[in-house]
Amino acid sequence: MAYLALVRHGQSEYNVRNLECGWIDSPLTEFGHQQAREAAEKLPKIKWDYLFESDLTRSHQTSDEIIKVLKLDLIRISSPAIKERNYGIYAGKDKGEVSQDVRRGWDVVVSGGENLKQVYERVVPYYQTEILPKLKDGKNIIISAHGNSLRALVKYLDNISDADIVNVELPPGSLKVYCI
């Protein structure tokens, strides 16, 4: 058995401004740093072997806080495969101007960007090839990533239907732990 901890990055500057962030590299706010520290304190007190993070600053900053709080000595791997979804023409727009179907839906077409299905199609194969073998080898893993990349992974891990995934929310600084 191994532990898999999913940590959504803390509050970013774009979160505060209620803007769709996606691949825009918005850093954490001070409150976001605090949320990351609080998530770290809630993690099981075990030996963590790996920390996977996206290639965006807010994910790195969340990872930095986790490592600092827990004084971790582990292997840190950064990958664009687990970065946030690309919001295309909606990136940088006020969330109130973007329909819920676009924001939360499974396979709604997003001009110049990705829908959740496309995020799933890049996150899950990465999980299956890079992360799952390590878990099966008994290694404990933290993933520091984003709302939609983690929703895609939760859909896979919890076998959530296409229709029900619209109701899954992972707020900034949230934590979900699995025993694999």
N, C-alpha and C. Protein backbone atom coordinates (compact mmCIF):
# COMPACT_ATOMS: atom_id res chain seq x y z
N MET A 1 0.84 -1.19 0.00
CA MET A 1 0.00 0.00 0.00
C MET A 1 0.88 1.24 0.00
N ALA A 2 0.40 2.27 -0.71
CA ALA A 2 1.10 3.55 -0.76
C ALA A 2 0.07 4.67 -0.70
N TYR A 3 0.55 5.84 -0.31
CA TYR A 3 -0.31 7.03 -0.25
C TYR A 3 -0.10 7.90 -1.48
N LEU A 4 -1.21 8.42 -1.98
CA LEU A 4 -1.20 9.42 -3.05
C LEU A 4 -1.96 10.63 -2.52
N ALA A 5 -1.28 11.76 -2.41
CA ALA A 5 -1.91 13.00 -1.93
C ALA A 5 -2.02 13.98 -3.08
N LEU A 6 -3.24 14.46 -3.32
CA LEU A 6 -3.48 15.47 -4.34
C LEU A 6 -3.67 16.80 -3.63
N VAL A 7 -2.84 17.78 -3.97
CA VAL A 7 -2.93 19.11 -3.36
C VAL A 7 -3.14 20.13 -4.47
N ARG A 8 -4.26 20.84 -4.39
CA ARG A 8 -4.45 21.94 -5.34
C ARG A 8 -3.67 23.14 -4.82
N HIS A 9 -3.04 23.84 -5.74
CA HIS A 9 -2.26 25.02 -5.36
C HIS A 9 -3.11 25.97 -4.54
N GLY A 10 -2.46 26.79 -3.74
CA GLY A 10 -3.17 27.81 -2.97
C GLY A 10 -3.69 28.92 -3.87
N GLN A 11 -4.38 29.85 -3.25
CA GLN A 11 -5.00 30.97 -3.97
C GLN A 11 -3.96 31.74 -4.78
N SER A 12 -4.27 31.97 -6.07
CA SER A 12 -3.38 32.74 -6.94
C SER A 12 -3.92 34.16 -7.09
N GLU A 13 -3.09 35.01 -7.66
CA GLU A 13 -3.53 36.39 -7.91
C GLU A 13 -4.74 36.42 -8.84
N TYR A 14 -4.79 35.51 -9.80
CA TYR A 14 -5.95 35.44 -10.70
C TYR A 14 -7.20 34.94 -9.97
N ASN A 15 -7.03 34.04 -9.00
CA ASN A 15 -8.18 33.60 -8.20
C ASN A 15 -8.82 34.79 -7.49
N VAL A 16 -8.00 35.64 -6.91
CA VAL A 16 -8.50 36.81 -6.19
C VAL A 16 -9.28 37.73 -7.12
N ARG A 17 -8.80 37.86 -8.34
CA ARG A 17 -9.43 38.75 -9.32
C ARG A 17 -10.58 38.07 -10.07
N ASN A 18 -10.87 36.80 -9.74
CA ASN A 18 -11.94 36.03 -10.36
C ASN A 18 -11.75 35.87 -11.87
N LEU A 19 -10.48 35.65 -12.26
CA LEU A 19 -10.15 35.50 -13.68
C LEU A 19 -9.79 34.05 -13.99
N GLU A 20 -10.16 33.61 -15.19
CA GLU A 20 -9.75 32.29 -15.66
C GLU A 20 -8.24 32.33 -15.89
N CYS A 21 -7.54 31.45 -15.27
CA CYS A 21 -6.08 31.47 -15.30
C CYS A 21 -5.52 30.52 -16.35
N GLY A 22 -5.85 29.24 -16.21
CA GLY A 22 -5.33 28.27 -17.17
C GLY A 22 -3.82 28.26 -17.22
N TRP A 23 -3.27 28.43 -18.41
CA TRP A 23 -1.83 28.37 -18.59
C TRP A 23 -1.14 29.70 -18.31
N ILE A 24 -1.90 30.74 -17.96
CA ILE A 24 -1.28 32.00 -17.56
C ILE A 24 -0.58 31.75 -16.23
N ASP A 25 0.64 32.23 -16.10
CA ASP A 25 1.47 31.89 -14.94
C ASP A 25 1.26 32.88 -13.80
N SER A 26 0.15 32.74 -13.10
CA SER A 26 -0.21 33.63 -12.00
C SER A 26 0.34 33.08 -10.68
N PRO A 27 1.15 33.86 -9.96
CA PRO A 27 1.73 33.38 -8.70
C PRO A 27 0.70 33.36 -7.56
N LEU A 28 1.09 32.71 -6.47
CA LEU A 28 0.25 32.67 -5.29
C LEU A 28 0.21 34.02 -4.59
N THR A 29 -0.90 34.27 -3.92
CA THR A 29 -1.00 35.41 -3.01
C THR A 29 -0.39 34.97 -1.67
N GLU A 30 -0.25 35.89 -0.74
CA GLU A 30 0.23 35.50 0.59
C GLU A 30 -0.73 34.50 1.23
N PHE A 31 -2.04 34.72 1.03
CA PHE A 31 -3.02 33.77 1.55
C PHE A 31 -2.85 32.40 0.88
N GLY A 32 -2.51 32.38 -0.40
CA GLY A 32 -2.25 31.14 -1.11
C GLY A 32 -1.07 30.38 -0.53
N HIS A 33 -0.03 31.11 -0.15
CA HIS A 33 1.12 30.49 0.53
C HIS A 33 0.67 29.88 1.86
N GLN A 34 -0.17 30.60 2.59
CA GLN A 34 -0.69 30.10 3.87
C GLN A 34 -1.52 28.83 3.65
N GLN A 35 -2.38 28.84 2.62
CA GLN A 35 -3.18 27.64 2.31
C GLN A 35 -2.29 26.44 2.01
N ALA A 36 -1.20 26.66 1.29
CA ALA A 36 -0.27 25.57 0.98
C ALA A 36 0.37 25.03 2.25
N ARG A 37 0.75 25.93 3.16
CA ARG A 37 1.33 25.48 4.43
C ARG A 37 0.31 24.68 5.24
N GLU A 38 -0.94 25.14 5.24
CA GLU A 38 -2.00 24.43 5.98
C GLU A 38 -2.26 23.06 5.37
N ALA A 39 -2.24 22.97 4.04
CA ALA A 39 -2.42 21.66 3.39
C ALA A 39 -1.28 20.73 3.79
N ALA A 40 -0.07 21.25 3.83
CA ALA A 40 1.09 20.44 4.22
C ALA A 40 0.91 19.87 5.62
N GLU A 41 0.41 20.68 6.53
CA GLU A 41 0.22 20.24 7.91
C GLU A 41 -0.83 19.14 8.03
N LYS A 42 -1.75 19.06 7.07
CA LYS A 42 -2.81 18.04 7.09
C LYS A 42 -2.39 16.73 6.43
N LEU A 43 -1.25 16.73 5.75
CA LEU A 43 -0.79 15.51 5.09
C LEU A 43 -0.43 14.45 6.14
N PRO A 44 -0.66 13.18 5.82
CA PRO A 44 -0.24 12.11 6.75
C PRO A 44 1.24 12.25 7.09
N LYS A 45 1.58 11.98 8.33
CA LYS A 45 2.97 12.10 8.79
C LYS A 45 3.71 10.80 8.47
N ILE A 46 4.07 10.67 7.20
CA ILE A 46 4.77 9.48 6.71
C ILE A 46 5.96 9.95 5.87
N LYS A 47 6.74 9.00 5.41
CA LYS A 47 7.85 9.33 4.51
C LYS A 47 7.28 9.51 3.10
N TRP A 48 7.44 10.70 2.56
CA TRP A 48 7.02 10.97 1.19
C TRP A 48 8.23 10.78 0.29
N ASP A 49 8.04 10.07 -0.81
CA ASP A 49 9.16 9.73 -1.69
C ASP A 49 9.27 10.63 -2.92
N TYR A 50 8.12 11.05 -3.44
CA TYR A 50 8.10 11.87 -4.66
C TYR A 50 7.11 13.00 -4.51
N LEU A 51 7.42 14.10 -5.17
CA LEU A 51 6.47 15.19 -5.33
C LEU A 51 6.43 15.54 -6.81
N PHE A 52 5.27 15.35 -7.42
CA PHE A 52 5.06 15.72 -8.81
C PHE A 52 4.34 17.06 -8.83
N GLU A 53 4.77 17.95 -9.70
CA GLU A 53 4.16 19.27 -9.80
C GLU A 53 4.06 19.66 -11.26
N SER A 54 3.17 20.62 -11.54
CA SER A 54 3.09 21.12 -12.91
C SER A 54 4.24 22.09 -13.14
N ASP A 55 4.34 22.58 -14.35
CA ASP A 55 5.42 23.51 -14.69
C ASP A 55 5.01 24.98 -14.50
N LEU A 56 3.92 25.23 -13.79
CA LEU A 56 3.47 26.61 -13.54
C LEU A 56 3.91 27.06 -12.15
N THR A 57 4.19 28.34 -12.02
CA THR A 57 4.72 28.92 -10.79
C THR A 57 3.87 28.62 -9.56
N ARG A 58 2.54 28.74 -9.68
CA ARG A 58 1.70 28.53 -8.49
C ARG A 58 1.79 27.11 -7.96
N SER A 59 2.02 26.15 -8.84
CA SER A 59 2.24 24.77 -8.41
C SER A 59 3.59 24.64 -7.71
N HIS A 60 4.64 25.26 -8.28
CA HIS A 60 5.97 25.23 -7.68
C HIS A 60 5.96 25.88 -6.30
N GLN A 61 5.28 27.02 -6.19
CA GLN A 61 5.23 27.71 -4.90
C GLN A 61 4.51 26.87 -3.85
N THR A 62 3.46 26.19 -4.24
CA THR A 62 2.75 25.29 -3.32
C THR A 62 3.68 24.16 -2.89
N SER A 63 4.39 23.58 -3.84
CA SER A 63 5.36 22.52 -3.52
C SER A 63 6.43 23.02 -2.57
N ASP A 64 6.95 24.22 -2.82
CA ASP A 64 7.97 24.80 -1.95
C ASP A 64 7.49 24.87 -0.51
N GLU A 65 6.25 25.32 -0.33
CA GLU A 65 5.69 25.44 1.03
C GLU A 65 5.54 24.07 1.69
N ILE A 66 5.08 23.08 0.93
CA ILE A 66 4.91 21.72 1.46
C ILE A 66 6.26 21.17 1.91
N ILE A 67 7.26 21.31 1.06
CA ILE A 67 8.60 20.80 1.37
C ILE A 67 9.17 21.50 2.60
N LYS A 68 8.98 22.82 2.68
CA LYS A 68 9.51 23.59 3.80
C LYS A 68 8.82 23.20 5.12
N VAL A 69 7.50 23.13 5.12
CA VAL A 69 6.75 22.82 6.34
C VAL A 69 7.09 21.42 6.85
N LEU A 70 7.15 20.45 5.95
CA LEU A 70 7.38 19.07 6.36
C LEU A 70 8.86 18.67 6.38
N LYS A 71 9.71 19.62 5.98
CA LYS A 71 11.16 19.35 5.93
C LYS A 71 11.44 18.07 5.13
N LEU A 72 10.87 18.04 3.94
CA LEU A 72 10.94 16.84 3.11
C LEU A 72 12.25 16.74 2.33
N ASP A 73 12.72 15.52 2.21
CA ASP A 73 13.84 15.19 1.34
C ASP A 73 13.30 14.12 0.39
N LEU A 74 12.92 14.55 -0.81
CA LEU A 74 12.27 13.65 -1.76
C LEU A 74 12.67 13.99 -3.18
N ILE A 75 12.20 13.21 -4.10
CA ILE A 75 12.45 13.46 -5.52
C ILE A 75 11.32 14.33 -6.04
N ARG A 76 11.68 15.44 -6.65
CA ARG A 76 10.72 16.43 -7.15
C ARG A 76 10.74 16.41 -8.67
N ILE A 77 9.56 16.21 -9.26
CA ILE A 77 9.45 16.09 -10.71
C ILE A 77 8.42 17.09 -11.23
N SER A 78 8.83 17.93 -12.15
CA SER A 78 7.94 18.92 -12.75
C SER A 78 7.55 18.47 -14.15
N SER A 79 6.24 18.57 -14.46
CA SER A 79 5.79 18.12 -15.78
C SER A 79 4.62 18.97 -16.28
N PRO A 80 4.65 19.34 -17.56
CA PRO A 80 3.50 20.04 -18.15
C PRO A 80 2.29 19.13 -18.31
N ALA A 81 2.46 17.82 -18.16
CA ALA A 81 1.35 16.89 -18.32
C ALA A 81 0.27 17.10 -17.27
N ILE A 82 0.63 17.68 -16.12
CA ILE A 82 -0.35 17.87 -15.05
C ILE A 82 -0.67 19.34 -14.81
N LYS A 83 -0.35 20.17 -15.80
CA LYS A 83 -0.68 21.59 -15.65
C LYS A 83 -2.18 21.82 -15.83
N GLU A 84 -2.62 23.00 -15.47
CA GLU A 84 -4.03 23.38 -15.58
C GLU A 84 -4.47 23.29 -17.04
N ARG A 85 -5.78 23.25 -17.23
CA ARG A 85 -6.30 23.22 -18.60
C ARG A 85 -6.02 24.55 -19.28
N ASN A 86 -5.90 24.50 -20.57
CA ASN A 86 -5.71 25.69 -21.39
C ASN A 86 -7.10 26.26 -21.68
N TYR A 87 -7.37 27.46 -21.18
CA TYR A 87 -8.69 28.07 -21.38
C TYR A 87 -8.84 28.76 -22.72
N GLY A 88 -7.80 28.74 -23.55
CA GLY A 88 -7.92 29.31 -24.89
C GLY A 88 -8.39 30.75 -24.87
N ILE A 89 -9.46 31.03 -25.63
CA ILE A 89 -9.96 32.41 -25.75
C ILE A 89 -10.51 32.95 -24.44
N TYR A 90 -10.73 32.08 -23.46
CA TYR A 90 -11.28 32.52 -22.17
C TYR A 90 -10.21 32.84 -21.14
N ALA A 91 -8.95 32.55 -21.42
CA ALA A 91 -7.87 32.84 -20.48
C ALA A 91 -7.82 34.34 -20.19
N GLY A 92 -7.77 34.66 -18.92
CA GLY A 92 -7.71 36.06 -18.50
C GLY A 92 -9.06 36.74 -18.40
N LYS A 93 -10.13 36.06 -18.79
CA LYS A 93 -11.49 36.63 -18.73
C LYS A 93 -12.07 36.45 -17.33
N ASP A 94 -12.98 37.36 -16.97
CA ASP A 94 -13.70 37.23 -15.71
C ASP A 94 -14.52 35.93 -15.75
N LYS A 95 -14.47 35.15 -14.67
CA LYS A 95 -15.19 33.87 -14.63
C LYS A 95 -16.69 34.07 -14.83
N GLY A 96 -17.20 35.22 -14.44
CA GLY A 96 -18.62 35.52 -14.62
C GLY A 96 -19.01 35.66 -16.08
N GLU A 97 -18.05 35.92 -16.95
CA GLU A 97 -18.31 36.07 -18.38
C GLU A 97 -18.21 34.75 -19.14
N VAL A 98 -17.79 33.69 -18.45
CA VAL A 98 -17.59 32.39 -19.09
C VAL A 98 -18.69 31.44 -18.59
N SER A 99 -19.38 30.81 -19.52
CA SER A 99 -20.50 29.95 -19.14
C SER A 99 -20.05 28.79 -18.28
N GLN A 100 -20.97 28.32 -17.44
CA GLN A 100 -20.68 27.16 -16.59
C GLN A 100 -20.38 25.93 -17.43
N ASP A 101 -21.03 25.79 -18.58
CA ASP A 101 -20.75 24.65 -19.45
C ASP A 101 -19.28 24.65 -19.87
N VAL A 102 -18.77 25.81 -20.23
CA VAL A 102 -17.36 25.91 -20.63
C VAL A 102 -16.46 25.66 -19.43
N ARG A 103 -16.78 26.27 -18.29
CA ARG A 103 -15.93 26.17 -17.11
C ARG A 103 -15.92 24.78 -16.49
N ARG A 104 -17.07 24.11 -16.44
CA ARG A 104 -17.20 22.88 -15.67
C ARG A 104 -17.47 21.65 -16.52
N GLY A 105 -17.92 21.85 -17.76
CA GLY A 105 -18.35 20.73 -18.59
C GLY A 105 -17.24 19.78 -18.97
N TRP A 106 -17.64 18.60 -19.40
CA TRP A 106 -16.71 17.53 -19.74
C TRP A 106 -16.11 17.70 -21.13
N ASP A 107 -16.95 17.91 -22.15
CA ASP A 107 -16.42 17.90 -23.51
C ASP A 107 -16.88 19.09 -24.36
N VAL A 108 -17.16 20.21 -23.70
CA VAL A 108 -17.54 21.43 -24.42
C VAL A 108 -16.31 21.96 -25.16
N VAL A 109 -16.47 22.27 -26.44
CA VAL A 109 -15.37 22.76 -27.25
C VAL A 109 -14.95 24.15 -26.78
N VAL A 110 -13.65 24.34 -26.60
CA VAL A 110 -13.09 25.63 -26.17
C VAL A 110 -12.13 26.10 -27.26
N SER A 111 -12.49 27.17 -27.94
CA SER A 111 -11.67 27.67 -29.05
C SER A 111 -10.26 28.03 -28.57
N GLY A 112 -9.28 27.40 -29.17
CA GLY A 112 -7.89 27.67 -28.83
C GLY A 112 -7.44 27.06 -27.52
N GLY A 113 -8.28 26.23 -26.91
CA GLY A 113 -7.94 25.67 -25.61
C GLY A 113 -8.34 24.22 -25.48
N GLU A 114 -8.57 23.80 -24.22
CA GLU A 114 -8.90 22.41 -23.92
C GLU A 114 -10.19 22.34 -23.11
N ASN A 115 -10.89 21.24 -23.24
CA ASN A 115 -11.98 20.95 -22.32
C ASN A 115 -11.46 19.92 -21.31
N LEU A 116 -12.29 19.58 -20.34
CA LEU A 116 -11.85 18.66 -19.29
C LEU A 116 -11.52 17.27 -19.86
N LYS A 117 -12.23 16.85 -20.88
CA LYS A 117 -11.95 15.55 -21.50
C LYS A 117 -10.53 15.52 -22.06
N GLN A 118 -10.11 16.61 -22.69
CA GLN A 118 -8.76 16.68 -23.25
C GLN A 118 -7.70 16.73 -22.13
N VAL A 119 -8.02 17.39 -21.03
CA VAL A 119 -7.11 17.40 -19.88
C VAL A 119 -6.97 15.97 -19.35
N TYR A 120 -8.09 15.28 -19.22
CA TYR A 120 -8.11 13.88 -18.78
C TYR A 120 -7.20 13.04 -19.68
N GLU A 121 -7.29 13.28 -20.99
CA GLU A 121 -6.52 12.49 -21.96
C GLU A 121 -5.02 12.75 -21.88
N ARG A 122 -4.58 13.82 -21.21
CA ARG A 122 -3.14 14.00 -21.01
C ARG A 122 -2.72 13.65 -19.58
N VAL A 123 -3.59 13.90 -18.60
CA VAL A 123 -3.24 13.64 -17.20
C VAL A 123 -3.24 12.14 -16.89
N VAL A 124 -4.28 11.43 -17.29
CA VAL A 124 -4.42 10.03 -16.91
C VAL A 124 -3.29 9.16 -17.49
N PRO A 125 -2.94 9.28 -18.78
CA PRO A 125 -1.81 8.47 -19.27
C PRO A 125 -0.50 8.78 -18.53
N TYR A 126 -0.29 10.06 -18.17
CA TYR A 126 0.91 10.41 -17.41
C TYR A 126 0.87 9.73 -16.04
N TYR A 127 -0.28 9.77 -15.39
CA TYR A 127 -0.45 9.09 -14.11
C TYR A 127 -0.16 7.59 -14.26
N GLN A 128 -0.72 6.99 -15.29
CA GLN A 128 -0.58 5.54 -15.47
C GLN A 128 0.87 5.12 -15.76
N THR A 129 1.60 5.95 -16.48
CA THR A 129 2.97 5.56 -16.86
C THR A 129 4.04 6.05 -15.89
N GLU A 130 3.84 7.21 -15.28
CA GLU A 130 4.90 7.82 -14.45
C GLU A 130 4.65 7.72 -12.95
N ILE A 131 3.40 7.74 -12.53
CA ILE A 131 3.09 7.80 -11.10
C ILE A 131 2.62 6.46 -10.55
N LEU A 132 1.67 5.83 -11.20
CA LEU A 132 1.12 4.56 -10.72
C LEU A 132 2.18 3.48 -10.50
N PRO A 133 3.14 3.30 -11.40
CA PRO A 133 4.17 2.27 -11.13
C PRO A 133 4.94 2.52 -9.83
N LYS A 134 5.17 3.78 -9.51
CA LYS A 134 5.87 4.11 -8.27
C LYS A 134 4.98 3.80 -7.06
N LEU A 135 3.69 4.09 -7.18
CA LEU A 135 2.76 3.76 -6.11
C LEU A 135 2.71 2.24 -5.90
N LYS A 136 2.67 1.50 -6.99
CA LYS A 136 2.63 0.03 -6.90
C LYS A 136 3.92 -0.53 -6.29
N ASP A 137 4.98 0.28 -6.38
CA ASP A 137 6.26 -0.10 -5.79
C ASP A 137 6.35 0.35 -4.32
N GLY A 138 5.23 0.86 -3.79
CA GLY A 138 5.18 1.25 -2.38
C GLY A 138 5.67 2.66 -2.08
N LYS A 139 5.87 3.47 -3.10
CA LYS A 139 6.34 4.84 -2.90
C LYS A 139 5.16 5.78 -2.63
N ASN A 140 5.32 6.67 -1.67
CA ASN A 140 4.30 7.65 -1.31
C ASN A 140 4.52 8.92 -2.12
N ILE A 141 3.44 9.43 -2.71
CA ILE A 141 3.57 10.51 -3.70
C ILE A 141 2.59 11.64 -3.41
N ILE A 142 3.11 12.86 -3.54
CA ILE A 142 2.30 14.08 -3.49
C ILE A 142 2.24 14.63 -4.91
N ILE A 143 1.06 15.05 -5.34
CA ILE A 143 0.91 15.78 -6.60
C ILE A 143 0.42 17.17 -6.26
N SER A 144 1.19 18.17 -6.64
CA SER A 144 0.83 19.57 -6.46
C SER A 144 0.44 20.11 -7.83
N ALA A 145 -0.87 20.34 -8.00
CA ALA A 145 -1.32 20.72 -9.34
C ALA A 145 -2.51 21.67 -9.26
N HIS A 146 -3.45 21.54 -10.18
CA HIS A 146 -4.47 22.54 -10.42
C HIS A 146 -5.88 21.94 -10.36
N GLY A 147 -6.86 22.82 -10.26
CA GLY A 147 -8.24 22.38 -10.13
C GLY A 147 -8.67 21.41 -11.21
N ASN A 148 -8.42 21.72 -12.46
CA ASN A 148 -8.91 20.86 -13.54
C ASN A 148 -8.02 19.65 -13.79
N SER A 149 -6.72 19.78 -13.66
CA SER A 149 -5.88 18.59 -13.85
C SER A 149 -6.15 17.59 -12.72
N LEU A 150 -6.39 18.09 -11.51
CA LEU A 150 -6.71 17.18 -10.40
C LEU A 150 -8.13 16.64 -10.52
N ARG A 151 -9.08 17.45 -11.01
CA ARG A 151 -10.44 16.94 -11.25
C ARG A 151 -10.40 15.79 -12.25
N ALA A 152 -9.59 15.92 -13.28
CA ALA A 152 -9.47 14.85 -14.27
C ALA A 152 -8.94 13.58 -13.61
N LEU A 153 -7.94 13.73 -12.76
CA LEU A 153 -7.38 12.56 -12.09
C LEU A 153 -8.37 11.96 -11.08
N VAL A 154 -9.09 12.80 -10.36
CA VAL A 154 -10.11 12.33 -9.42
C VAL A 154 -11.21 11.58 -10.18
N LYS A 155 -11.57 12.08 -11.35
CA LYS A 155 -12.57 11.39 -12.18
C LYS A 155 -12.12 9.95 -12.46
N TYR A 156 -10.87 9.81 -12.81
CA TYR A 156 -10.31 8.49 -13.09
C TYR A 156 -10.25 7.63 -11.82
N LEU A 157 -9.68 8.17 -10.75
CA LEU A 157 -9.46 7.40 -9.52
C LEU A 157 -10.77 6.99 -8.85
N ASP A 158 -11.77 7.88 -8.90
CA ASP A 158 -13.04 7.61 -8.24
C ASP A 158 -14.11 7.10 -9.20
N ASN A 159 -13.75 6.90 -10.47
CA ASN A 159 -14.67 6.40 -11.49
C ASN A 159 -15.95 7.25 -11.55
N ILE A 160 -15.76 8.55 -11.67
CA ILE A 160 -16.87 9.50 -11.74
C ILE A 160 -17.34 9.62 -13.18
N SER A 161 -18.64 9.67 -13.37
CA SER A 161 -19.21 9.75 -14.72
C SER A 161 -18.93 11.11 -15.36
N ASP A 162 -19.05 11.15 -16.68
CA ASP A 162 -18.90 12.40 -17.41
C ASP A 162 -19.89 13.44 -16.91
N ALA A 163 -21.11 13.02 -16.64
CA ALA A 163 -22.16 13.94 -16.17
C ALA A 163 -21.88 14.44 -14.76
N ASP A 164 -21.38 13.58 -13.88
CA ASP A 164 -21.19 13.96 -12.49
C ASP A 164 -19.92 14.76 -12.22
N ILE A 165 -18.95 14.71 -13.12
CA ILE A 165 -17.70 15.43 -12.88
C ILE A 165 -17.93 16.94 -12.78
N VAL A 166 -19.01 17.44 -13.37
CA VAL A 166 -19.29 18.88 -13.30
C VAL A 166 -19.52 19.33 -11.85
N ASN A 167 -19.88 18.40 -10.97
CA ASN A 167 -20.15 18.74 -9.57
C ASN A 167 -18.94 18.62 -8.66
N VAL A 168 -17.81 18.16 -9.20
CA VAL A 168 -16.61 17.98 -8.38
C VAL A 168 -15.84 19.30 -8.34
N GLU A 169 -15.56 19.76 -7.14
CA GLU A 169 -14.83 21.01 -6.96
C GLU A 169 -13.66 20.76 -6.01
N LEU A 170 -12.49 21.24 -6.37
CA LEU A 170 -11.31 21.18 -5.52
C LEU A 170 -10.85 22.62 -5.29
N PRO A 171 -11.22 23.23 -4.17
CA PRO A 171 -10.87 24.63 -3.93
C PRO A 171 -9.37 24.84 -3.76
N PRO A 172 -8.89 26.06 -3.94
CA PRO A 172 -7.46 26.34 -3.71
C PRO A 172 -7.03 25.87 -2.32
N GLY A 173 -5.87 25.23 -2.28
CA GLY A 173 -5.33 24.74 -1.02
C GLY A 173 -5.95 23.46 -0.51
N SER A 174 -6.82 22.84 -1.30
CA SER A 174 -7.49 21.62 -0.83
C SER A 174 -6.58 20.40 -1.00
N LEU A 175 -6.94 19.37 -0.26
CA LEU A 175 -6.13 18.15 -0.18
C LEU A 175 -7.07 16.94 -0.27
N LYS A 176 -6.64 15.94 -1.02
CA LYS A 176 -7.38 14.68 -1.12
C LYS A 176 -6.33 13.56 -1.08
N VAL A 177 -6.51 12.60 -0.18
CA VAL A 177 -5.52 11.55 0.01
C VAL A 177 -6.15 10.19 -0.31
N TYR A 178 -5.40 9.39 -1.05
CA TYR A 178 -5.81 8.04 -1.44
C TYR A 178 -4.80 7.03 -0.90
N CYS A 179 -5.28 5.83 -0.59
CA CYS A 179 -4.42 4.68 -0.33
C CYS A 179 -4.52 3.80 -1.56
N ILE A 180 -3.40 3.60 -2.22
CA ILE A 180 -3.38 2.84 -3.48
C ILE A 180 -2.76 1.47 -3.23
